[in-house]
Amino acid sequence: MTFEEIKNKYLTPDGNYIKKMSSEIDLKKDDLYDILKWWSKITTKDTIGDLTTMNRNQKLIIFKIGSSSYYINADTKKIGVNQFLLNKNNPWKIIFNENGVKNKVTNGLDENPISYFYMYKL
């Protein structure tokens, strides 16, 4: 996807937030990385969602890759997105979340959660 396609389809007009996705969309991993990369480059805000109009743990990005469904919460911060992007070439692992449920996604080689990055498998 080009920057213009990403900006028009996935980012708010000011580029500061990622638009809420109303249902699961099919994405390639590279498309997700591109959306997050461009948001991180142009935003002046700290979170992917506008927390003045939505809940912290609101599912903002809801998507499918193959037969697996995932979501990223609105309170995911730029620092977490940037770490996820740095780990782009690493495999995704499903680890235990803070409540003991095995649904949190990381791409860190140490299999630890990425701070401030709230992505989960549905």
Protein backbone atom coordinates (compact mmCIF):
# COMPACT_ATOMS: atom_id res chain seq x y z
CA MET A 1 0.00 0.00 0.00
CA THR A 2 1.13 3.51 -0.72
CA PHE A 3 1.27 6.23 1.91
CA GLU A 4 -1.75 7.95 0.32
CA GLU A 5 -3.80 4.73 0.47
CA ILE A 6 -2.89 4.23 4.11
CA LYS A 7 -3.58 7.86 5.02
CA ASN A 8 -6.98 7.89 3.30
CA LYS A 9 -8.17 4.50 4.50
CA TYR A 10 -6.65 4.02 7.95
CA LEU A 11 -5.64 7.37 9.46
CA THR A 12 -7.72 10.28 10.71
CA PRO A 13 -7.64 13.36 8.46
CA ASP A 14 -5.02 15.05 10.66
CA GLY A 15 -2.89 11.87 10.69
CA ASN A 16 -2.75 11.81 14.48
CA TYR A 17 -4.77 8.66 15.07
CA ILE A 18 -5.66 5.39 13.44
CA LYS A 19 -9.33 5.14 12.50
CA LYS A 20 -11.48 2.63 14.37
CA MET A 21 -12.12 -0.42 12.24
CA SER A 22 -15.74 -1.49 12.48
CA SER A 23 -15.07 -5.12 11.63
CA GLU A 24 -12.26 -7.52 10.91
CA ILE A 25 -10.42 -6.76 7.70
CA ASP A 26 -7.98 -9.02 5.93
CA LEU A 27 -4.47 -7.64 6.17
CA LYS A 28 -1.04 -8.86 5.34
CA LYS A 29 1.54 -8.46 8.09
CA ASP A 30 3.42 -6.00 5.87
CA ASP A 31 0.26 -3.87 5.55
CA LEU A 32 -0.11 -3.73 9.34
CA TYR A 33 3.54 -2.75 9.72
CA ASP A 34 3.08 -0.05 7.04
CA ILE A 35 -0.01 1.39 8.76
CA LEU A 36 1.81 1.55 12.09
CA LYS A 37 5.00 2.91 10.51
CA TRP A 38 3.25 5.79 8.75
CA TRP A 39 1.13 6.62 11.80
CA SER A 40 4.29 6.73 13.92
CA LYS A 41 6.07 8.98 11.42
CA ILE A 42 3.35 11.61 11.05
CA THR A 43 1.48 11.68 14.36
CA THR A 44 2.03 14.28 17.04
CA LYS A 45 0.08 12.18 19.56
CA ASP A 46 1.19 9.46 21.97
CA THR A 47 -1.52 6.81 21.40
CA ILE A 48 -3.00 5.21 18.28
CA GLY A 49 -6.52 6.10 19.42
CA ASP A 50 -8.01 9.39 20.61
CA LEU A 51 -8.48 8.63 24.31
CA THR A 52 -10.63 11.73 24.76
CA THR A 53 -13.37 10.02 22.72
CA MET A 54 -12.78 6.29 23.42
CA ASN A 55 -11.87 3.87 26.18
CA ARG A 56 -8.25 2.86 26.74
CA ASN A 57 -8.83 -0.82 26.00
CA GLN A 58 -11.20 -0.28 23.09
CA LYS A 59 -10.39 -2.52 20.16
CA LEU A 60 -9.23 -0.03 17.54
CA ILE A 61 -7.50 -2.10 14.88
CA ILE A 62 -9.34 -5.38 14.27
CA PHE A 63 -7.93 -7.58 11.56
CA LYS A 64 -7.39 -11.07 10.20
CA ILE A 65 -4.23 -12.62 8.88
CA GLY A 66 -5.10 -15.94 7.32
CA SER A 67 -7.50 -17.71 9.67
CA SER A 68 -6.32 -15.85 12.80
CA SER A 69 -7.97 -12.70 14.12
CA TYR A 70 -6.23 -10.00 16.15
CA TYR A 71 -6.87 -6.58 17.65
CA ILE A 72 -4.83 -3.66 18.93
CA ASN A 73 -6.22 -1.46 21.69
CA ALA A 74 -6.61 2.31 21.42
CA ASP A 75 -4.18 3.01 24.29
CA THR A 76 -1.23 1.46 22.45
CA LYS A 77 1.53 4.06 22.59
CA LYS A 78 4.04 5.23 20.01
CA ILE A 79 6.96 3.86 22.06
CA GLY A 80 5.39 0.37 21.93
CA VAL A 81 4.58 0.66 18.23
CA ASN A 82 8.17 1.66 17.50
CA GLN A 83 9.52 -1.38 19.38
CA PHE A 84 7.10 -3.65 17.49
CA LEU A 85 8.34 -2.12 14.24
CA LEU A 86 11.99 -2.63 15.24
CA ASN A 87 11.20 -6.32 15.77
CA LYS A 88 9.47 -6.60 12.38
CA ASN A 89 11.58 -9.52 11.16
CA ASN A 90 10.91 -11.63 14.26
CA PRO A 91 8.07 -14.17 14.43
CA TRP A 92 4.90 -13.36 16.34
CA LYS A 93 4.42 -15.29 19.57
CA ILE A 94 1.30 -15.63 21.68
CA ILE A 95 2.14 -15.13 25.37
CA PHE A 96 0.18 -14.77 28.61
CA ASN A 97 -1.40 -11.38 29.26
CA GLU A 98 -1.37 -9.73 32.69
CA ASN A 99 -4.54 -11.66 33.63
CA GLY A 100 -3.00 -15.05 32.85
CA VAL A 101 -4.80 -15.53 29.51
CA LYS A 102 -2.62 -16.69 26.62
CA ASN A 103 -3.66 -14.16 23.96
CA LYS A 104 -1.10 -11.32 23.99
CA VAL A 105 1.06 -10.90 20.88
CA THR A 106 4.75 -10.09 20.97
CA ASN A 107 7.49 -10.17 18.37
CA GLY A 108 10.34 -9.83 20.83
CA LEU A 109 12.84 -12.66 20.64
CA ASP A 110 12.82 -12.95 24.43
CA GLU A 111 9.04 -13.62 24.27
CA ASN A 112 8.38 -10.86 26.79
CA PRO A 113 5.53 -8.42 26.26
CA ILE A 114 6.33 -5.17 24.49
CA SER A 115 5.71 -2.31 26.89
CA TYR A 116 2.80 -0.07 25.86
CA PHE A 117 1.90 -2.30 22.88
CA TYR A 118 -1.52 -3.89 23.38
CA MET A 119 -2.12 -6.43 20.65
CA TYR A 120 -4.10 -9.60 21.26
CA LYS A 121 -5.30 -12.66 19.41
CA LEU A 122 -9.09 -13.09 19.38
